Amino acid sequence: MARGFSTMLARKIRISTVPGEWREVLECEHCDAQGECEVEIAVPDYIRGGDLTTGYGQCPVCEGRGYVELPEDEDDDQG
């Protein structure tokens, strides 16, 4: 196992985006449910073509929400 990676499965959490409606989602493993993580940032350079660097920004997996939707086959709400 690579250093820094967890063997834990994604945790299911319940959120409410509309008052009175609860739904189960998975915590984002990429950003540890924080919504921000280290991402690649393009730095333009018109002479040499540019460069890629890293910085802290919005998580590309969960789009900054901190959670991802359950796959269709795991969704127990439709029954």
N, C-alpha and C. Protein backbone atom coordinates (compact mmCIF):
# COMPACT_ATOMS: atom_id res chain seq x y z
N MET A 1 0.84 -1.18 0.00
CA MET A 1 0.00 0.00 0.00
C MET A 1 0.88 1.24 0.00
N ALA A 2 0.52 2.21 -0.78
CA ALA A 2 1.28 3.45 -0.87
C ALA A 2 1.13 4.27 0.40
N ARG A 3 2.17 4.97 0.75
CA ARG A 3 2.15 5.79 1.95
C ARG A 3 1.15 6.93 1.79
N GLY A 4 0.35 7.18 2.82
CA GLY A 4 -0.58 8.29 2.81
C GLY A 4 -1.96 7.94 2.29
N PHE A 5 -2.15 6.71 1.82
CA PHE A 5 -3.46 6.32 1.33
C PHE A 5 -4.12 5.41 2.33
N SER A 6 -5.40 5.58 2.49
CA SER A 6 -6.16 4.82 3.47
C SER A 6 -6.81 3.60 2.83
N THR A 7 -6.99 2.55 3.62
CA THR A 7 -7.70 1.38 3.14
C THR A 7 -9.16 1.41 3.54
N MET A 8 -9.58 2.48 4.23
CA MET A 8 -10.98 2.59 4.66
C MET A 8 -11.89 2.83 3.47
N LEU A 9 -13.08 2.28 3.55
CA LEU A 9 -14.08 2.52 2.53
C LEU A 9 -14.70 3.89 2.74
N ALA A 10 -15.30 4.42 1.70
CA ALA A 10 -15.95 5.73 1.80
C ALA A 10 -17.11 5.66 2.79
N ARG A 11 -17.23 6.69 3.61
CA ARG A 11 -18.30 6.74 4.60
C ARG A 11 -19.57 7.30 3.99
N LYS A 12 -20.69 6.69 4.31
CA LYS A 12 -21.98 7.23 3.91
C LYS A 12 -22.42 8.25 4.96
N ILE A 13 -22.86 9.40 4.50
CA ILE A 13 -23.37 10.42 5.40
C ILE A 13 -24.74 10.86 4.91
N ARG A 14 -25.51 11.47 5.78
CA ARG A 14 -26.82 11.98 5.41
C ARG A 14 -26.76 13.50 5.37
N ILE A 15 -27.27 14.08 4.29
CA ILE A 15 -27.28 15.54 4.16
C ILE A 15 -28.69 16.00 3.84
N SER A 16 -28.94 17.26 4.10
CA SER A 16 -30.22 17.87 3.77
C SER A 16 -29.95 19.13 2.97
N THR A 17 -30.30 19.12 1.68
CA THR A 17 -30.16 20.30 0.85
C THR A 17 -31.46 21.06 0.76
N VAL A 18 -32.56 20.38 1.05
CA VAL A 18 -33.89 20.98 1.09
C VAL A 18 -34.46 20.66 2.47
N PRO A 19 -35.03 21.64 3.19
CA PRO A 19 -35.55 21.37 4.52
C PRO A 19 -36.53 20.20 4.53
N GLY A 20 -36.28 19.24 5.41
CA GLY A 20 -37.14 18.09 5.55
C GLY A 20 -36.80 16.91 4.66
N GLU A 21 -35.91 17.08 3.70
CA GLU A 21 -35.51 16.00 2.81
C GLU A 21 -34.08 15.58 3.14
N TRP A 22 -33.89 14.33 3.48
CA TRP A 22 -32.57 13.79 3.78
C TRP A 22 -32.21 12.75 2.74
N ARG A 23 -30.93 12.73 2.35
CA ARG A 23 -30.46 11.72 1.42
C ARG A 23 -29.06 11.29 1.80
N GLU A 24 -28.74 10.05 1.46
CA GLU A 24 -27.42 9.51 1.76
C GLU A 24 -26.47 9.77 0.60
N VAL A 25 -25.26 10.19 0.94
CA VAL A 25 -24.21 10.43 -0.04
C VAL A 25 -22.91 9.86 0.53
N LEU A 26 -21.87 9.81 -0.28
CA LEU A 26 -20.56 9.35 0.15
C LEU A 26 -19.64 10.54 0.38
N GLU A 27 -18.84 10.48 1.45
CA GLU A 27 -17.83 11.51 1.65
C GLU A 27 -16.81 11.41 0.54
N CYS A 28 -16.32 12.53 0.06
CA CYS A 28 -15.31 12.55 -0.99
C CYS A 28 -13.98 12.08 -0.41
N GLU A 29 -13.41 11.03 -0.99
CA GLU A 29 -12.12 10.51 -0.51
C GLU A 29 -10.95 11.34 -1.02
N HIS A 30 -11.15 12.02 -2.13
CA HIS A 30 -10.05 12.78 -2.74
C HIS A 30 -9.64 13.98 -1.87
N CYS A 31 -10.63 14.66 -1.28
CA CYS A 31 -10.34 15.84 -0.46
C CYS A 31 -10.65 15.62 1.02
N ASP A 32 -10.96 14.39 1.41
CA ASP A 32 -11.34 14.06 2.80
C ASP A 32 -12.52 14.89 3.28
N ALA A 33 -13.50 15.11 2.40
CA ALA A 33 -14.75 15.81 2.68
C ALA A 33 -14.53 17.29 3.04
N GLN A 34 -13.41 17.88 2.61
CA GLN A 34 -13.13 19.28 2.89
C GLN A 34 -13.56 20.20 1.76
N GLY A 35 -13.65 19.67 0.53
CA GLY A 35 -14.03 20.49 -0.61
C GLY A 35 -12.87 21.15 -1.31
N GLU A 36 -11.70 21.13 -0.70
CA GLU A 36 -10.50 21.72 -1.30
C GLU A 36 -9.34 20.75 -1.13
N CYS A 37 -8.46 20.73 -2.14
CA CYS A 37 -7.29 19.85 -2.09
C CYS A 37 -6.21 20.43 -2.99
N GLU A 38 -5.09 19.74 -3.09
CA GLU A 38 -4.00 20.19 -3.95
C GLU A 38 -4.34 19.85 -5.40
N VAL A 39 -4.31 20.84 -6.27
CA VAL A 39 -4.65 20.66 -7.68
C VAL A 39 -3.55 21.26 -8.55
N GLU A 40 -3.55 20.86 -9.82
CA GLU A 40 -2.60 21.43 -10.78
C GLU A 40 -3.15 22.75 -11.31
N ILE A 41 -2.28 23.75 -11.40
CA ILE A 41 -2.66 25.07 -11.88
C ILE A 41 -1.78 25.40 -13.08
N ALA A 42 -2.40 25.82 -14.17
CA ALA A 42 -1.65 26.19 -15.36
C ALA A 42 -1.14 27.63 -15.22
N VAL A 43 0.14 27.82 -15.45
CA VAL A 43 0.76 29.14 -15.40
C VAL A 43 1.18 29.50 -16.83
N PRO A 44 0.52 30.49 -17.44
CA PRO A 44 0.86 30.82 -18.83
C PRO A 44 2.23 31.48 -18.95
N ASP A 45 2.92 31.12 -19.99
CA ASP A 45 4.20 31.73 -20.34
C ASP A 45 4.23 31.79 -21.85
N TYR A 46 4.10 32.98 -22.40
CA TYR A 46 3.94 33.13 -23.84
C TYR A 46 5.24 32.87 -24.61
N ILE A 47 6.37 32.84 -23.95
CA ILE A 47 7.63 32.58 -24.62
C ILE A 47 7.93 31.08 -24.65
N ARG A 48 7.77 30.41 -23.50
CA ARG A 48 8.12 29.00 -23.39
C ARG A 48 6.91 28.07 -23.42
N GLY A 49 5.71 28.57 -23.55
CA GLY A 49 4.53 27.72 -23.65
C GLY A 49 3.79 27.47 -22.36
N GLY A 50 4.32 27.84 -21.23
CA GLY A 50 3.61 27.68 -19.97
C GLY A 50 4.18 26.58 -19.10
N ASP A 51 3.60 26.45 -17.92
CA ASP A 51 4.08 25.49 -16.94
C ASP A 51 2.91 25.04 -16.09
N LEU A 52 3.03 23.87 -15.48
CA LEU A 52 2.05 23.39 -14.52
C LEU A 52 2.67 23.44 -13.14
N THR A 53 1.93 23.95 -12.19
CA THR A 53 2.37 23.98 -10.81
C THR A 53 1.22 23.47 -9.94
N THR A 54 1.47 23.25 -8.68
CA THR A 54 0.42 22.78 -7.78
C THR A 54 0.04 23.90 -6.83
N GLY A 55 -1.20 23.85 -6.42
CA GLY A 55 -1.72 24.83 -5.48
C GLY A 55 -2.97 24.27 -4.81
N TYR A 56 -3.50 25.01 -3.87
CA TYR A 56 -4.68 24.59 -3.13
C TYR A 56 -5.91 25.17 -3.82
N GLY A 57 -6.86 24.31 -4.18
CA GLY A 57 -8.05 24.78 -4.89
C GLY A 57 -9.22 23.83 -4.73
N GLN A 58 -10.27 24.11 -5.46
CA GLN A 58 -11.51 23.34 -5.39
C GLN A 58 -11.27 21.90 -5.86
N CYS A 59 -11.83 20.95 -5.14
CA CYS A 59 -11.66 19.54 -5.46
C CYS A 59 -12.35 19.22 -6.79
N PRO A 60 -11.64 18.61 -7.74
CA PRO A 60 -12.24 18.30 -9.03
C PRO A 60 -13.21 17.12 -8.99
N VAL A 61 -13.13 16.29 -7.96
CA VAL A 61 -14.00 15.11 -7.87
C VAL A 61 -15.39 15.49 -7.37
N CYS A 62 -15.46 16.24 -6.28
CA CYS A 62 -16.76 16.59 -5.69
C CYS A 62 -17.19 18.02 -6.02
N GLU A 63 -16.38 18.74 -6.78
CA GLU A 63 -16.67 20.13 -7.17
C GLU A 63 -16.85 21.05 -5.97
N GLY A 64 -16.10 20.79 -4.90
CA GLY A 64 -16.10 21.66 -3.73
C GLY A 64 -17.20 21.39 -2.72
N ARG A 65 -18.01 20.37 -2.94
CA ARG A 65 -19.11 20.08 -2.01
C ARG A 65 -18.67 19.26 -0.81
N GLY A 66 -17.66 18.39 -0.99
CA GLY A 66 -17.22 17.53 0.09
C GLY A 66 -17.88 16.17 0.08
N TYR A 67 -18.80 15.94 -0.83
CA TYR A 67 -19.46 14.64 -0.95
C TYR A 67 -19.73 14.34 -2.42
N VAL A 68 -19.93 13.05 -2.70
CA VAL A 68 -20.28 12.60 -4.04
C VAL A 68 -21.56 11.77 -3.93
N GLU A 69 -22.33 11.75 -4.99
CA GLU A 69 -23.59 11.02 -5.00
C GLU A 69 -23.33 9.51 -4.98
N LEU A 70 -24.26 8.77 -4.40
CA LEU A 70 -24.18 7.32 -4.41
C LEU A 70 -24.40 6.80 -5.82
N PRO A 71 -23.71 5.74 -6.20
CA PRO A 71 -24.02 5.12 -7.48
C PRO A 71 -25.45 4.59 -7.49
N GLU A 72 -26.04 4.46 -8.66
CA GLU A 72 -27.44 4.03 -8.80
C GLU A 72 -27.71 2.70 -8.11
N ASP A 73 -26.77 1.74 -8.23
CA ASP A 73 -27.02 0.40 -7.66
C ASP A 73 -26.94 0.37 -6.13
N GLU A 74 -26.33 1.37 -5.51
CA GLU A 74 -26.23 1.42 -4.05
C GLU A 74 -27.31 2.30 -3.43
N ASP A 75 -28.07 3.00 -4.23
CA ASP A 75 -29.07 3.93 -3.72
C ASP A 75 -30.25 3.15 -3.17
N ASP A 76 -30.46 3.19 -1.85
CA ASP A 76 -31.53 2.42 -1.21
C ASP A 76 -32.82 3.21 -1.07
N ASP A 77 -32.85 4.49 -1.44
CA ASP A 77 -34.03 5.31 -1.26
C ASP A 77 -35.16 4.90 -2.20
N GLN A 78 -34.82 4.34 -3.35
CA GLN A 78 -35.85 3.93 -4.30
C GLN A 78 -36.17 2.48 -4.08
N GLY A 79 -37.35 2.21 -3.53
CA GLY A 79 -37.52 0.85 -3.18
C GLY A 79 -38.78 0.26 -3.50
